[in-house]
Amino acid sequence: MHYLLRCPDGWRPDDRAVAATQSRPPDPQEATSPSVPFTLHMQQNRSAFPESGRGMLVALLSLCMAATIIPAVKGYYLVPIAVLLAMAALVLALEYFQRQPVPSETIEIGFEQLRFRDHRGNKIELPSYWTRIEQIRRGPYNLRLILRCRERGLEIGGCLNIEERAEVGQIISTALTQIRGERT
């Protein structure tokens, strides 16, 4: 999912981006300064494992362990051990996934600089006038967005699905064109 946190008044890249802007109020901490006219936040669409789901998972795990009693009585001790290890791996994977930060990226396009930062704390600055966006489509389900500035390339939108990448590519392309037009 993506949100336009800031854009100039009257600027409409497309109706879906404007609707995404209105679904979440802008966070003043995410936009660094009023001189940055465009701020786009992209985030992986991910939900947490609900508490009611945890109860169902415990019930399912209990049923699986109960189903291994008969093989264990017959002397097949590896069956309950294998089921126990598989259940432990499932629970650990769910907990690990839930504790990981949600992958996100923020792009601020100003008159002088384009700033990119992600959920890991990486920050990259490029001159906005010389930066362009490339959309590389290698197949019907493979789209890559790359910000190019001279020899440097930065892939963005890794946390989005293919439809959202196409929308974000159009929004960034329009924003960069708008910035170049206002600057000259």
C-alpha atoms as a PDB file:
ATOM      1  CA  MET A   1       0.000   0.000   0.000  1.00  0.00           C
ATOM      2  CA  HIS A   2       1.172   3.535  -0.596  1.00  0.00           C
ATOM      3  CA  TYR A   3       0.222   6.957   0.709  1.00  0.00           C
ATOM      4  CA  LEU A   4       0.932  10.430  -0.572  1.00  0.00           C
ATOM      5  CA  LEU A   5       1.839  12.169   2.667  1.00  0.00           C
ATOM      6  CA  ARG A   6       2.384  15.514   0.991  1.00  0.00           C
ATOM      7  CA  CYS A   7       1.774  16.962  -2.445  1.00  0.00           C
ATOM      8  CA  PRO A   8       1.121  20.490  -3.752  1.00  0.00           C
ATOM      9  CA  ASP A   9      -2.452  21.791  -3.706  1.00  0.00           C
ATOM     10  CA  GLY A  10      -4.418  20.899  -6.809  1.00  0.00           C
ATOM     11  CA  TRP A  11      -1.923  18.251  -7.954  1.00  0.00           C
ATOM     12  CA  ARG A  12      -3.633  14.988  -8.858  1.00  0.00           C
ATOM     13  CA  PRO A  13      -1.464  12.210 -10.295  1.00  0.00           C
ATOM     14  CA  ASP A  14      -4.488   9.894 -10.446  1.00  0.00           C
ATOM     15  CA  ASP A  15      -7.692   9.293  -8.512  1.00  0.00           C
ATOM     16  CA  ARG A  16      -6.400   6.232  -6.633  1.00  0.00           C
ATOM     17  CA  ALA A  17      -3.406   8.076  -5.186  1.00  0.00           C
ATOM     18  CA  VAL A  18      -5.627  10.920  -4.013  1.00  0.00           C
ATOM     19  CA  ALA A  19      -7.967   8.391  -2.379  1.00  0.00           C
ATOM     20  CA  ALA A  20      -4.953   6.800  -0.660  1.00  0.00           C
ATOM     21  CA  THR A  21      -3.956  10.251   0.598  1.00  0.00           C
ATOM     22  CA  GLN A  22      -7.338  10.772   2.190  1.00  0.00           C
ATOM     23  CA  SER A  23      -7.417   7.348   3.878  1.00  0.00           C
ATOM     24  CA  ARG A  24      -4.579   8.189   6.265  1.00  0.00           C
ATOM     25  CA  PRO A  25      -3.836  11.595   7.773  1.00  0.00           C
ATOM     26  CA  PRO A  26      -0.305  12.863   7.125  1.00  0.00           C
ATOM     27  CA  ASP A  27       2.152  12.252   9.921  1.00  0.00           C
ATOM     28  CA  PRO A  28       4.160  15.428  10.628  1.00  0.00           C
ATOM     29  CA  GLN A  29       7.195  13.379  11.701  1.00  0.00           C
ATOM     30  CA  GLU A  30       7.414  11.557   8.360  1.00  0.00           C
ATOM     31  CA  ALA A  31       7.672  14.692   6.234  1.00  0.00           C
ATOM     32  CA  THR A  32      10.895  16.450   7.151  1.00  0.00           C
ATOM     33  CA  SER A  33      10.319  20.024   6.015  1.00  0.00           C
ATOM     34  CA  PRO A  34       7.755  22.221   4.301  1.00  0.00           C
ATOM     35  CA  SER A  35      10.166  22.712   1.385  1.00  0.00           C
ATOM     36  CA  VAL A  36       9.619  19.083   0.342  1.00  0.00           C
ATOM     37  CA  PRO A  37       6.565  19.234  -1.930  1.00  0.00           C
ATOM     38  CA  PHE A  38       6.158  15.484  -2.543  1.00  0.00           C
ATOM     39  CA  THR A  39       6.369  12.770   0.071  1.00  0.00           C
ATOM     40  CA  LEU A  40       5.359   9.205  -0.775  1.00  0.00           C
ATOM     41  CA  HIS A  41       5.282   6.410   1.790  1.00  0.00           C
ATOM     42  CA  MET A  42       5.180   2.768   0.625  1.00  0.00           C
ATOM     43  CA  GLN A  43       4.570  -0.110   2.998  1.00  0.00           C
ATOM     44  CA  GLN A  44       4.018  -3.842   2.702  1.00  0.00           C
ATOM     45  CA  ASN A  45       0.392  -4.807   3.211  1.00  0.00           C
ATOM     46  CA  ARG A  46       0.670  -7.180   6.156  1.00  0.00           C
ATOM     47  CA  SER A  47      -1.607  -8.124   9.016  1.00  0.00           C
ATOM     48  CA  ALA A  48      -0.763  -9.459  12.467  1.00  0.00           C
ATOM     49  CA  PHE A  49      -1.721 -12.914  13.716  1.00  0.00           C
ATOM     50  CA  PRO A  50      -4.922 -12.317  15.761  1.00  0.00           C
ATOM     51  CA  GLU A  51      -5.471 -13.573  19.295  1.00  0.00           C
ATOM     52  CA  SER A  52      -8.455 -15.666  18.220  1.00  0.00           C
ATOM     53  CA  GLY A  53      -6.209 -17.306  15.641  1.00  0.00           C
ATOM     54  CA  ARG A  54      -3.758 -18.219  18.380  1.00  0.00           C
ATOM     55  CA  GLY A  55      -6.472 -20.133  20.209  1.00  0.00           C
ATOM     56  CA  MET A  56      -7.349 -22.026  17.041  1.00  0.00           C
ATOM     57  CA  LEU A  57      -3.658 -22.761  16.447  1.00  0.00           C
ATOM     58  CA  VAL A  58      -3.323 -24.234  19.948  1.00  0.00           C
ATOM     59  CA  ALA A  59      -6.418 -26.386  19.353  1.00  0.00           C
ATOM     60  CA  LEU A  60      -5.018 -27.586  16.027  1.00  0.00           C
ATOM     61  CA  LEU A  61      -1.654 -28.385  17.575  1.00  0.00           C
ATOM     62  CA  SER A  62      -3.366 -30.326  20.370  1.00  0.00           C
ATOM     63  CA  LEU A  63      -5.344 -32.387  17.844  1.00  0.00           C
ATOM     64  CA  CYS A  64      -2.158 -33.161  15.921  1.00  0.00           C
ATOM     65  CA  MET A  65      -0.441 -34.366  19.087  1.00  0.00           C
ATOM     66  CA  ALA A  66      -3.481 -36.475  19.995  1.00  0.00           C
ATOM     67  CA  ALA A  67      -3.360 -38.078  16.544  1.00  0.00           C
ATOM     68  CA  THR A  68       0.215 -39.214  17.175  1.00  0.00           C
ATOM     69  CA  ILE A  69      -0.651 -41.175  20.334  1.00  0.00           C
ATOM     70  CA  ILE A  70      -1.578 -44.382  18.472  1.00  0.00           C
ATOM     71  CA  PRO A  71       1.669 -44.508  16.425  1.00  0.00           C
ATOM     72  CA  ALA A  72       3.642 -43.799  19.617  1.00  0.00           C
ATOM     73  CA  VAL A  73       1.906 -46.714  21.422  1.00  0.00           C
ATOM     74  CA  LYS A  74       2.800 -49.019  18.523  1.00  0.00           C
ATOM     75  CA  GLY A  75       6.459 -48.085  18.892  1.00  0.00           C
ATOM     76  CA  TYR A  76       6.782 -45.445  16.176  1.00  0.00           C
ATOM     77  CA  TYR A  77       8.349 -42.784  18.375  1.00  0.00           C
ATOM     78  CA  LEU A  78       9.620 -40.699  15.488  1.00  0.00           C
ATOM     79  CA  VAL A  79       6.073 -39.732  14.447  1.00  0.00           C
ATOM     80  CA  PRO A  80       5.290 -37.641  17.584  1.00  0.00           C
ATOM     81  CA  ILE A  81       8.816 -36.218  17.563  1.00  0.00           C
ATOM     82  CA  ALA A  82       8.487 -35.154  13.913  1.00  0.00           C
ATOM     83  CA  VAL A  83       5.035 -33.636  14.522  1.00  0.00           C
ATOM     84  CA  LEU A  84       6.300 -31.814  17.611  1.00  0.00           C
ATOM     85  CA  LEU A  85       9.272 -30.394  15.676  1.00  0.00           C
ATOM     86  CA  ALA A  86       7.031 -29.322  12.788  1.00  0.00           C
ATOM     87  CA  MET A  87       4.624 -27.560  15.172  1.00  0.00           C
ATOM     88  CA  ALA A  88       7.477 -25.848  16.995  1.00  0.00           C
ATOM     89  CA  ALA A  89       8.896 -24.649  13.657  1.00  0.00           C
ATOM     90  CA  LEU A  90       5.479 -23.263  12.681  1.00  0.00           C
ATOM     91  CA  VAL A  91       5.053 -21.375  15.955  1.00  0.00           C
ATOM     92  CA  LEU A  92       8.602 -19.989  15.815  1.00  0.00           C
ATOM     93  CA  ALA A  93       8.134 -18.870  12.203  1.00  0.00           C
ATOM     94  CA  LEU A  94       4.879 -17.073  13.065  1.00  0.00           C
ATOM     95  CA  GLU A  95       6.467 -15.310  16.050  1.00  0.00           C
ATOM     96  CA  TYR A  96       9.573 -14.363  14.064  1.00  0.00           C
ATOM     97  CA  PHE A  97       7.464 -12.948  11.220  1.00  0.00           C
ATOM     98  CA  GLN A  98       5.309 -10.933  13.615  1.00  0.00           C
ATOM     99  CA  ARG A  99       8.315  -9.368  15.380  1.00  0.00           C
ATOM    100  CA  GLN A 100      10.017  -8.246  12.174  1.00  0.00           C
ATOM    101  CA  PRO A 101       9.500  -4.601  11.188  1.00  0.00           C
ATOM    102  CA  VAL A 102       7.035  -4.028   8.377  1.00  0.00           C
ATOM    103  CA  PRO A 103       9.013  -3.369   5.181  1.00  0.00           C
ATOM    104  CA  SER A 104       8.471   0.239   4.140  1.00  0.00           C
ATOM    105  CA  GLU A 105      10.075   2.944   2.026  1.00  0.00           C
ATOM    106  CA  THR A 106       9.639   6.721   2.008  1.00  0.00           C
ATOM    107  CA  ILE A 107      10.551   8.977  -0.898  1.00  0.00           C
ATOM    108  CA  GLU A 108      10.720  12.754  -0.479  1.00  0.00           C
ATOM    109  CA  ILE A 109      11.058  14.681  -3.730  1.00  0.00           C
ATOM    110  CA  GLY A 110      12.208  18.254  -3.186  1.00  0.00           C
ATOM    111  CA  PHE A 111      13.361  20.961  -5.553  1.00  0.00           C
ATOM    112  CA  GLU A 112      17.039  20.137  -4.948  1.00  0.00           C
ATOM    113  CA  GLN A 113      17.212  16.629  -3.493  1.00  0.00           C
ATOM    114  CA  LEU A 114      15.341  13.341  -3.700  1.00  0.00           C
ATOM    115  CA  ARG A 115      15.599  11.514  -0.378  1.00  0.00           C
ATOM    116  CA  PHE A 116      14.944   7.802   0.028  1.00  0.00           C
ATOM    117  CA  ARG A 117      14.817   5.917   3.317  1.00  0.00           C
ATOM    118  CA  ASP A 118      13.655   2.436   4.210  1.00  0.00           C
ATOM    119  CA  HIS A 119      12.664   0.503   7.330  1.00  0.00           C
ATOM    120  CA  ARG A 120      16.265  -0.597   7.937  1.00  0.00           C
ATOM    121  CA  GLY A 121      17.428   2.996   8.318  1.00  0.00           C
ATOM    122  CA  ASN A 122      19.192   3.284   4.951  1.00  0.00           C
ATOM    123  CA  LYS A 123      19.150   6.861   3.641  1.00  0.00           C
ATOM    124  CA  ILE A 124      20.090   7.861   0.105  1.00  0.00           C
ATOM    125  CA  GLU A 125      20.020  11.323  -1.456  1.00  0.00           C
ATOM    126  CA  LEU A 126      20.022  12.036  -5.182  1.00  0.00           C
ATOM    127  CA  PRO A 127      19.734  15.343  -7.053  1.00  0.00           C
ATOM    128  CA  SER A 128      16.082  15.515  -8.085  1.00  0.00           C
ATOM    129  CA  TYR A 129      16.666  17.388 -11.339  1.00  0.00           C
ATOM    130  CA  TRP A 130      18.881  14.624 -12.772  1.00  0.00           C
ATOM    131  CA  THR A 131      16.942  11.695 -11.370  1.00  0.00           C
ATOM    132  CA  ARG A 132      14.559   9.709 -13.548  1.00  0.00           C
ATOM    133  CA  ILE A 133      12.548   6.558 -12.951  1.00  0.00           C
ATOM    134  CA  GLU A 134      12.766   3.458 -15.108  1.00  0.00           C
ATOM    135  CA  GLN A 135      10.110   0.782 -15.224  1.00  0.00           C
ATOM    136  CA  ILE A 136      11.633  -2.522 -16.298  1.00  0.00           C
ATOM    137  CA  ARG A 137       9.075  -5.169 -17.194  1.00  0.00           C
ATOM    138  CA  ARG A 138      10.626  -8.579 -17.868  1.00  0.00           C
ATOM    139  CA  GLY A 139       7.375 -10.470 -17.881  1.00  0.00           C
ATOM    140  CA  PRO A 140       3.696 -10.054 -17.127  1.00  0.00           C
ATOM    141  CA  TYR A 141       4.293 -10.461 -13.373  1.00  0.00           C
ATOM    142  CA  ASN A 142       7.720  -8.868 -13.037  1.00  0.00           C
ATOM    143  CA  LEU A 143       8.040  -5.097 -12.775  1.00  0.00           C
ATOM    144  CA  ARG A 144      11.035  -3.303 -11.306  1.00  0.00           C
ATOM    145  CA  LEU A 145      11.197   0.391 -10.479  1.00  0.00           C
ATOM    146  CA  ILE A 146      14.665   1.910 -10.573  1.00  0.00           C
ATOM    147  CA  LEU A 147      15.571   5.502  -9.788  1.00  0.00           C
ATOM    148  CA  ARG A 148      18.508   6.473 -12.031  1.00  0.00           C
ATOM    149  CA  CYS A 149      20.823   9.398 -11.504  1.00  0.00           C
ATOM    150  CA  ARG A 150      23.842   9.352 -13.791  1.00  0.00           C
ATOM    151  CA  GLU A 151      25.637   6.067 -12.973  1.00  0.00           C
ATOM    152  CA  ARG A 152      23.720   5.350  -9.773  1.00  0.00           C
ATOM    153  CA  GLY A 153      20.650   3.157  -9.656  1.00  0.00           C
ATOM    154  CA  LEU A 154      18.303   2.530  -6.741  1.00  0.00           C
ATOM    155  CA  GLU A 155      15.569  -0.094  -6.861  1.00  0.00           C
ATOM    156  CA  ILE A 156      12.399   0.970  -5.073  1.00  0.00           C
ATOM    157  CA  GLY A 157       8.989  -0.541  -4.410  1.00  0.00           C
ATOM    158  CA  GLY A 158      10.213  -3.945  -3.260  1.00  0.00           C
ATOM    159  CA  CYS A 159       7.527  -3.959  -0.568  1.00  0.00           C
ATOM    160  CA  LEU A 160       4.676  -3.466  -3.068  1.00  0.00           C
ATOM    161  CA  ASN A 161       2.811  -5.783  -5.400  1.00  0.00           C
ATOM    162  CA  ILE A 162       3.015  -5.345  -9.177  1.00  0.00           C
ATOM    163  CA  GLU A 163      -0.135  -3.206  -9.553  1.00  0.00           C
ATOM    164  CA  GLU A 164       0.989  -0.832  -6.828  1.00  0.00           C
ATOM    165  CA  ARG A 165       4.466  -0.608  -8.358  1.00  0.00           C
ATOM    166  CA  ALA A 166       2.946   0.516 -11.649  1.00  0.00           C
ATOM    167  CA  GLU A 167       0.887   3.190  -9.835  1.00  0.00           C
ATOM    168  CA  VAL A 168       3.877   4.358  -7.797  1.00  0.00           C
ATOM    169  CA  GLY A 169       6.010   4.525 -10.940  1.00  0.00           C
ATOM    170  CA  GLN A 170       3.478   6.875 -12.539  1.00  0.00           C
ATOM    171  CA  ILE A 171       3.216   9.009  -9.389  1.00  0.00           C
ATOM    172  CA  ILE A 172       7.004   9.392  -9.064  1.00  0.00           C
ATOM    173  CA  SER A 173       7.417  10.083 -12.776  1.00  0.00           C
ATOM    174  CA  THR A 174       4.749  12.790 -12.619  1.00  0.00           C
ATOM    175  CA  ALA A 175       6.259  14.265  -9.448  1.00  0.00           C
ATOM    176  CA  LEU A 176       9.751  14.422 -10.961  1.00  0.00           C
ATOM    177  CA  THR A 177       8.349  16.081 -14.096  1.00  0.00           C
ATOM    178  CA  GLN A 178       6.416  18.553 -11.950  1.00  0.00           C
ATOM    179  CA  ILE A 179       9.532  19.404  -9.927  1.00  0.00           C
ATOM    180  CA  ARG A 180      11.584  19.990 -13.073  1.00  0.00           C
ATOM    181  CA  GLY A 181       8.863  22.217 -14.491  1.00  0.00           C
ATOM    182  CA  GLU A 182       8.637  24.347 -11.336  1.00  0.00           C
ATOM    183  CA  ARG A 183      12.381  24.668 -11.055  1.00  0.00           C
ATOM    184  CA  THR A 184      13.048  26.075 -14.518  1.00  0.00           C
END
